[in-house]
Amino acid sequence: KFKDKEVMPPSYIREAISSQMVNSGMPP
């Protein structure tokens, strides 16, 4: 939301910023 108006659905936000693919599997 921006100024109380939905620009993107919350369900998409959650998926988009959740891991979908491992980029690098190296440990710290």
PDB file of all heavy atoms in Angstrom:
ATOM      1  N   LYS A   1       0.823  -1.211   0.000  1.00  0.00           N
ATOM      2  CA  LYS A   1       0.000   0.000   0.000  1.00  0.00           C
ATOM      3  C   LYS A   1       0.856   1.260   0.000  1.00  0.00           C
ATOM      4  O   LYS A   1       1.927   1.302   0.601  1.00  0.00           O
ATOM      5  CB  LYS A   1      -0.919   0.028   1.223  1.00  0.00           C
ATOM      6  CG  LYS A   1      -2.014  -1.022   1.207  1.00  0.00           C
ATOM      7  CD  LYS A   1      -2.915  -0.873   2.417  1.00  0.00           C
ATOM      8  CE  LYS A   1      -4.028  -1.915   2.401  1.00  0.00           C
ATOM      9  NZ  LYS A   1      -4.909  -1.776   3.582  1.00  0.00           N
ATOM     10  N   PHE A   2       0.336   2.292  -0.678  1.00  0.00           N
ATOM     11  CA  PHE A   2       0.937   3.621  -0.638  1.00  0.00           C
ATOM     12  C   PHE A   2      -0.179   4.623  -0.392  1.00  0.00           C
ATOM     13  O   PHE A   2      -1.125   4.719  -1.166  1.00  0.00           O
ATOM     14  CB  PHE A   2       1.661   3.933  -1.955  1.00  0.00           C
ATOM     15  CG  PHE A   2       2.326   5.283  -1.965  1.00  0.00           C
ATOM     16  CD1 PHE A   2       3.511   5.486  -1.278  1.00  0.00           C
ATOM     17  CD2 PHE A   2       1.758   6.356  -2.651  1.00  0.00           C
ATOM     18  CE1 PHE A   2       4.143   6.726  -1.282  1.00  0.00           C
ATOM     19  CE2 PHE A   2       2.379   7.596  -2.663  1.00  0.00           C
ATOM     20  CZ  PHE A   2       3.568   7.782  -1.966  1.00  0.00           C
ATOM     21  N   LYS A   3      -0.077   5.335   0.739  1.00  0.00           N
ATOM     22  CA  LYS A   3      -1.128   6.273   1.162  1.00  0.00           C
ATOM     23  C   LYS A   3      -2.489   5.591   1.178  1.00  0.00           C
ATOM     24  O   LYS A   3      -3.473   6.092   0.614  1.00  0.00           O
ATOM     25  CB  LYS A   3      -1.133   7.508   0.258  1.00  0.00           C
ATOM     26  CG  LYS A   3       0.124   8.369   0.394  1.00  0.00           C
ATOM     27  CD  LYS A   3       0.027   9.663  -0.396  1.00  0.00           C
ATOM     28  CE  LYS A   3       1.269  10.526  -0.145  1.00  0.00           C
ATOM     29  NZ  LYS A   3       1.220  11.814  -0.896  1.00  0.00           N
ATOM     30  N   ASP A   4      -2.508   4.427   1.805  1.00  0.00           N
ATOM     31  CA  ASP A   4      -3.737   3.634   2.020  1.00  0.00           C
ATOM     32  C   ASP A   4      -4.359   3.091   0.733  1.00  0.00           C
ATOM     33  O   ASP A   4      -5.471   2.566   0.748  1.00  0.00           O
ATOM     34  CB  ASP A   4      -4.795   4.452   2.776  1.00  0.00           C
ATOM     35  CG  ASP A   4      -4.358   4.801   4.186  1.00  0.00           C
ATOM     36  OD1 ASP A   4      -3.659   3.964   4.802  1.00  0.00           O
ATOM     37  OD2 ASP A   4      -4.677   5.913   4.657  1.00  0.00           O
ATOM     38  N   LYS A   5      -3.647   3.190  -0.385  1.00  0.00           N
ATOM     39  CA  LYS A   5      -4.155   2.619  -1.625  1.00  0.00           C
ATOM     40  C   LYS A   5      -3.303   1.427  -2.010  1.00  0.00           C
ATOM     41  O   LYS A   5      -2.078   1.526  -2.060  1.00  0.00           O
ATOM     42  CB  LYS A   5      -4.135   3.662  -2.750  1.00  0.00           C
ATOM     43  CG  LYS A   5      -4.692   3.122  -4.066  1.00  0.00           C
ATOM     44  CD  LYS A   5      -4.687   4.193  -5.147  1.00  0.00           C
ATOM     45  CE  LYS A   5      -5.252   3.640  -6.448  1.00  0.00           C
ATOM     46  NZ  LYS A   5      -5.273   4.667  -7.528  1.00  0.00           N
ATOM     47  N   GLU A   6      -3.956   0.288  -2.286  1.00  0.00           N
ATOM     48  CA  GLU A   6      -3.202  -0.922  -2.617  1.00  0.00           C
ATOM     49  C   GLU A   6      -2.630  -0.838  -4.030  1.00  0.00           C
ATOM     50  O   GLU A   6      -3.352  -0.660  -4.998  1.00  0.00           O
ATOM     51  CB  GLU A   6      -4.096  -2.156  -2.500  1.00  0.00           C
ATOM     52  CG  GLU A   6      -3.326  -3.461  -2.728  1.00  0.00           C
ATOM     53  CD  GLU A   6      -4.175  -4.700  -2.511  1.00  0.00           C
ATOM     54  OE1 GLU A   6      -4.371  -5.075  -1.340  1.00  0.00           O
ATOM     55  OE2 GLU A   6      -4.662  -5.254  -3.519  1.00  0.00           O
ATOM     56  N   VAL A   7      -1.317  -0.966  -4.111  1.00  0.00           N
ATOM     57  CA  VAL A   7      -0.617  -0.990  -5.395  1.00  0.00           C
ATOM     58  C   VAL A   7      -0.292  -2.424  -5.786  1.00  0.00           C
ATOM     59  O   VAL A   7      -0.356  -2.785  -6.962  1.00  0.00           O
ATOM     60  CB  VAL A   7       0.675  -0.148  -5.319  1.00  0.00           C
ATOM     61  CG1 VAL A   7       1.411  -0.165  -6.656  1.00  0.00           C
ATOM     62  CG2 VAL A   7       0.367   1.280  -4.906  1.00  0.00           C
ATOM     63  N   MET A   8       0.059  -3.249  -4.789  1.00  0.00           N
ATOM     64  CA  MET A   8       0.350  -4.670  -5.003  1.00  0.00           C
ATOM     65  C   MET A   8      -0.337  -5.466  -3.902  1.00  0.00           C
ATOM     66  O   MET A   8      -0.380  -5.015  -2.750  1.00  0.00           O
ATOM     67  CB  MET A   8       1.867  -4.918  -4.965  1.00  0.00           C
ATOM     68  CG  MET A   8       2.661  -4.245  -6.058  1.00  0.00           C
ATOM     69  SD  MET A   8       4.460  -4.354  -5.792  1.00  0.00           S
ATOM     70  CE  MET A   8       4.681  -3.136  -4.474  1.00  0.00           C
ATOM     71  N   PRO A   9      -0.866  -6.652  -4.205  1.00  0.00           N
ATOM     72  CA  PRO A   9      -1.534  -7.453  -3.174  1.00  0.00           C
ATOM     73  C   PRO A   9      -0.540  -7.984  -2.140  1.00  0.00           C
ATOM     74  O   PRO A   9       0.588  -8.352  -2.496  1.00  0.00           O
ATOM     75  CB  PRO A   9      -2.175  -8.597  -3.960  1.00  0.00           C
ATOM     76  CG  PRO A   9      -1.417  -8.669  -5.235  1.00  0.00           C
ATOM     77  CD  PRO A   9      -0.951  -7.275  -5.542  1.00  0.00           C
ATOM     78  N   PRO A  10      -0.934  -8.025  -0.853  1.00  0.00           N
ATOM     79  CA  PRO A  10      -0.030  -8.526   0.198  1.00  0.00           C
ATOM     80  C   PRO A  10       0.470  -9.947  -0.075  1.00  0.00           C
ATOM     81  O   PRO A  10       1.606 -10.286   0.275  1.00  0.00           O
ATOM     82  CB  PRO A  10      -0.889  -8.464   1.463  1.00  0.00           C
ATOM     83  CG  PRO A  10      -1.924  -7.433   1.164  1.00  0.00           C
ATOM     84  CD  PRO A  10      -2.204  -7.549  -0.299  1.00  0.00           C
ATOM     85  N   SER A  11      -0.363 -10.779  -0.704  1.00  0.00           N
ATOM     86  CA  SER A  11       0.046 -12.157  -0.991  1.00  0.00           C
ATOM     87  C   SER A  11       1.242 -12.183  -1.940  1.00  0.00           C
ATOM     88  O   SER A  11       2.152 -13.009  -1.803  1.00  0.00           O
ATOM     89  CB  SER A  11      -1.119 -12.939  -1.602  1.00  0.00           C
ATOM     90  OG  SER A  11      -1.579 -12.308  -2.797  1.00  0.00           O
ATOM     91  N   TYR A  12       1.270 -11.259  -2.900  1.00  0.00           N
ATOM     92  CA  TYR A  12       2.398 -11.187  -3.821  1.00  0.00           C
ATOM     93  C   TYR A  12       3.637 -10.677  -3.099  1.00  0.00           C
ATOM     94  O   TYR A  12       4.744 -11.201  -3.312  1.00  0.00           O
ATOM     95  CB  TYR A  12       2.073 -10.277  -5.004  1.00  0.00           C
ATOM     96  CG  TYR A  12       3.283 -10.008  -5.865  1.00  0.00           C
ATOM     97  CD1 TYR A  12       3.791 -10.993  -6.707  1.00  0.00           C
ATOM     98  CD2 TYR A  12       3.950  -8.787  -5.800  1.00  0.00           C
ATOM     99  CE1 TYR A  12       4.926 -10.763  -7.470  1.00  0.00           C
ATOM    100  CE2 TYR A  12       5.084  -8.546  -6.558  1.00  0.00           C
ATOM    101  CZ  TYR A  12       5.567  -9.540  -7.386  1.00  0.00           C
ATOM    102  OH  TYR A  12       6.695  -9.314  -8.133  1.00  0.00           O
ATOM    103  N   ILE A  13       3.461  -9.682  -2.253  1.00  0.00           N
ATOM    104  CA  ILE A  13       4.595  -9.138  -1.501  1.00  0.00           C
ATOM    105  C   ILE A  13       5.294 -10.248  -0.727  1.00  0.00           C
ATOM    106  O   ILE A  13       6.530 -10.374  -0.748  1.00  0.00           O
ATOM    107  CB  ILE A  13       4.126  -8.035  -0.528  1.00  0.00           C
ATOM    108  CG1 ILE A  13       3.573  -6.823  -1.306  1.00  0.00           C
ATOM    109  CG2 ILE A  13       5.260  -7.608   0.392  1.00  0.00           C
ATOM    110  CD1 ILE A  13       4.598  -5.991  -1.995  1.00  0.00           C
ATOM    111  N   ARG A  14       4.511 -11.065  -0.028  1.00  0.00           N
ATOM    112  CA  ARG A  14       5.088 -12.137   0.798  1.00  0.00           C
ATOM    113  C   ARG A  14       5.865 -13.131  -0.051  1.00  0.00           C
ATOM    114  O   ARG A  14       6.955 -13.579   0.331  1.00  0.00           O
ATOM    115  CB  ARG A  14       3.985 -12.842   1.588  1.00  0.00           C
ATOM    116  CG  ARG A  14       3.422 -12.023   2.741  1.00  0.00           C
ATOM    117  CD  ARG A  14       2.546 -12.877   3.652  1.00  0.00           C
ATOM    118  NE  ARG A  14       1.338 -13.323   2.961  1.00  0.00           N
ATOM    119  CZ  ARG A  14       0.189 -12.634   2.932  1.00  0.00           C
ATOM    120  NH1 ARG A  14       0.126 -11.455   3.541  1.00  0.00           N
ATOM    121  NH2 ARG A  14      -0.860 -13.092   2.301  1.00  0.00           N
ATOM    122  N   GLU A  15       5.305 -13.531  -1.197  1.00  0.00           N
ATOM    123  CA  GLU A  15       6.004 -14.495  -2.058  1.00  0.00           C
ATOM    124  C   GLU A  15       7.246 -13.901  -2.689  1.00  0.00           C
ATOM    125  O   GLU A  15       8.287 -14.554  -2.789  1.00  0.00           O
ATOM    126  CB  GLU A  15       5.055 -14.990  -3.154  1.00  0.00           C
ATOM    127  CG  GLU A  15       4.037 -16.013  -2.685  1.00  0.00           C
ATOM    128  CD  GLU A  15       3.483 -16.805  -3.845  1.00  0.00           C
ATOM    129  OE1 GLU A  15       4.210 -17.686  -4.348  1.00  0.00           O
ATOM    130  OE2 GLU A  15       2.341 -16.536  -4.250  1.00  0.00           O
ATOM    131  N   ALA A  16       7.156 -12.652  -3.118  1.00  0.00           N
ATOM    132  CA  ALA A  16       8.266 -12.020  -3.824  1.00  0.00           C
ATOM    133  C   ALA A  16       9.490 -11.860  -2.941  1.00  0.00           C
ATOM    134  O   ALA A  16      10.623 -11.924  -3.429  1.00  0.00           O
ATOM    135  CB  ALA A  16       7.834 -10.663  -4.371  1.00  0.00           C
ATOM    136  N   ILE A  17       9.288 -11.658  -1.633  1.00  0.00           N
ATOM    137  CA  ILE A  17      10.437 -11.470  -0.741  1.00  0.00           C
ATOM    138  C   ILE A  17      10.725 -12.728   0.079  1.00  0.00           C
ATOM    139  O   ILE A  17      11.424 -12.672   1.090  1.00  0.00           O
ATOM    140  CB  ILE A  17      10.248 -10.245   0.176  1.00  0.00           C
ATOM    141  CG1 ILE A  17       9.060 -10.435   1.116  1.00  0.00           C
ATOM    142  CG2 ILE A  17      10.092  -8.979  -0.650  1.00  0.00           C
ATOM    143  CD1 ILE A  17       8.935  -9.309   2.141  1.00  0.00           C
ATOM    144  N   SER A  18      10.189 -13.849  -0.380  1.00  0.00           N
ATOM    145  CA  SER A  18      10.502 -15.151   0.226  1.00  0.00           C
ATOM    146  C   SER A  18      11.390 -15.939  -0.725  1.00  0.00           C
ATOM    147  O   SER A  18      11.312 -15.778  -1.947  1.00  0.00           O
ATOM    148  CB  SER A  18       9.224 -15.947   0.504  1.00  0.00           C
ATOM    149  OG  SER A  18       8.393 -15.270   1.413  1.00  0.00           O
ATOM    150  N   SER A  19      12.220 -16.808  -0.191  1.00  0.00           N
ATOM    151  CA  SER A  19      13.165 -17.560  -1.011  1.00  0.00           C
ATOM    152  C   SER A  19      12.442 -18.466  -1.999  1.00  0.00           C
ATOM    153  O   SER A  19      11.651 -19.324  -1.602  1.00  0.00           O
ATOM    154  CB  SER A  19      14.097 -18.393  -0.120  1.00  0.00           C
ATOM    155  OG  SER A  19      14.898 -17.562   0.680  1.00  0.00           O
ATOM    156  N   GLN A  20      12.737 -18.283  -3.278  1.00  0.00           N
ATOM    157  CA  GLN A  20      12.192 -19.112  -4.339  1.00  0.00           C
ATOM    158  C   GLN A  20      13.275 -19.953  -5.007  1.00  0.00           C
ATOM    159  O   GLN A  20      12.990 -20.990  -5.579  1.00  0.00           O
ATOM    160  CB  GLN A  20      11.523 -18.229  -5.402  1.00  0.00           C
ATOM    161  CG  GLN A  20      10.454 -17.298  -4.874  1.00  0.00           C
ATOM    162  CD  GLN A  20       9.214 -18.026  -4.416  1.00  0.00           C
ATOM    163  OE1 GLN A  20       8.915 -19.129  -4.877  1.00  0.00           O
ATOM    164  NE2 GLN A  20       8.463 -17.417  -3.497  1.00  0.00           N
ATOM    165  N   MET A  21      14.532 -19.493  -4.901  1.00  0.00           N
ATOM    166  CA  MET A  21      15.643 -20.189  -5.546  1.00  0.00           C
ATOM    167  C   MET A  21      16.925 -19.898  -4.785  1.00  0.00           C
ATOM    168  O   MET A  21      17.170 -18.758  -4.381  1.00  0.00           O
ATOM    169  CB  MET A  21      15.790 -19.722  -7.003  1.00  0.00           C
ATOM    170  CG  MET A  21      16.741 -20.557  -7.836  1.00  0.00           C
ATOM    171  SD  MET A  21      16.127 -22.246  -8.061  1.00  0.00           S
ATOM    172  CE  MET A  21      17.516 -23.034  -8.852  1.00  0.00           C
ATOM    173  N   VAL A  22      17.722 -20.927  -4.569  1.00  0.00           N
ATOM    174  CA  VAL A  22      19.007 -20.741  -3.895  1.00  0.00           C
ATOM    175  C   VAL A  22      19.987 -20.108  -4.877  1.00  0.00           C
ATOM    176  O   VAL A  22      20.208 -20.621  -5.971  1.00  0.00           O
ATOM    177  CB  VAL A  22      19.568 -22.083  -3.384  1.00  0.00           C
ATOM    178  CG1 VAL A  22      20.969 -21.898  -2.832  1.00  0.00           C
ATOM    179  CG2 VAL A  22      18.654 -22.662  -2.315  1.00  0.00           C
ATOM    180  N   ASN A  23      20.544 -18.982  -4.492  1.00  0.00           N
ATOM    181  CA  ASN A  23      21.558 -18.314  -5.303  1.00  0.00           C
ATOM    182  C   ASN A  23      22.929 -18.883  -4.988  1.00  0.00           C
ATOM    183  O   ASN A  23      23.660 -19.315  -5.872  1.00  0.00           O
ATOM    184  CB  ASN A  23      21.517 -16.805  -5.055  1.00  0.00           C
ATOM    185  CG  ASN A  23      22.518 -16.051  -5.908  1.00  0.00           C
ATOM    186  OD1 ASN A  23      23.141 -16.600  -6.809  1.00  0.00           O
ATOM    187  ND2 ASN A  23      22.676 -14.772  -5.627  1.00  0.00           N
ATOM    188  N   SER A  24      23.295 -18.891  -3.731  1.00  0.00           N
ATOM    189  CA  SER A  24      24.560 -19.470  -3.292  1.00  0.00           C
ATOM    190  C   SER A  24      24.321 -20.245  -2.008  1.00  0.00           C
ATOM    191  O   SER A  24      23.803 -19.706  -1.035  1.00  0.00           O
ATOM    192  CB  SER A  24      25.592 -18.362  -3.050  1.00  0.00           C
ATOM    193  OG  SER A  24      26.767 -18.894  -2.482  1.00  0.00           O
ATOM    194  N   GLY A  25      24.696 -21.526  -2.008  1.00  0.00           N
ATOM    195  CA  GLY A  25      24.451 -22.373  -0.847  1.00  0.00           C
ATOM    196  C   GLY A  25      25.602 -22.435   0.129  1.00  0.00           C
ATOM    197  O   GLY A  25      25.622 -23.287   1.013  1.00  0.00           O
ATOM    198  N   MET A  26      26.581 -21.540  -0.029  1.00  0.00           N
ATOM    199  CA  MET A  26      27.756 -21.576   0.838  1.00  0.00           C
ATOM    200  C   MET A  26      27.408 -21.135   2.259  1.00  0.00           C
ATOM    201  O   MET A  26      26.598 -20.242   2.460  1.00  0.00           O
ATOM    202  CB  MET A  26      28.847 -20.657   0.275  1.00  0.00           C
ATOM    203  CG  MET A  26      29.364 -21.066  -1.088  1.00  0.00           C
ATOM    204  SD  MET A  26      30.213 -22.657  -1.041  1.00  0.00           S
ATOM    205  CE  MET A  26      31.675 -22.205  -0.102  1.00  0.00           C
ATOM    206  N   PRO A  27      28.038 -21.770   3.271  1.00  0.00           N
ATOM    207  CA  PRO A  27      27.818 -21.344   4.662  1.00  0.00           C
ATOM    208  C   PRO A  27      28.532 -20.019   4.924  1.00  0.00           C
ATOM    209  O   PRO A  27      29.321 -19.549   4.094  1.00  0.00           O
ATOM    210  CB  PRO A  27      28.456 -22.480   5.463  1.00  0.00           C
ATOM    211  CG  PRO A  27      29.503 -23.034   4.564  1.00  0.00           C
ATOM    212  CD  PRO A  27      28.943 -22.912   3.173  1.00  0.00           C
ATOM    213  N   PRO A  28      28.285 -19.374   6.078  1.00  0.00           N
ATOM    214  CA  PRO A  28      28.943 -18.107   6.396  1.00  0.00           C
ATOM    215  C   PRO A  28      30.459 -18.248   6.383  1.00  0.00           C
ATOM    216  O   PRO A  28      31.011 -19.285   6.752  1.00  0.00           O
ATOM    217  CB  PRO A  28      28.427 -17.780   7.805  1.00  0.00           C
ATOM    218  CG  PRO A  28      27.157 -18.551   7.933  1.00  0.00           C
ATOM    219  CD  PRO A  28      27.339 -19.792   7.125  1.00  0.00           C
TER     220      PRO A  28
END
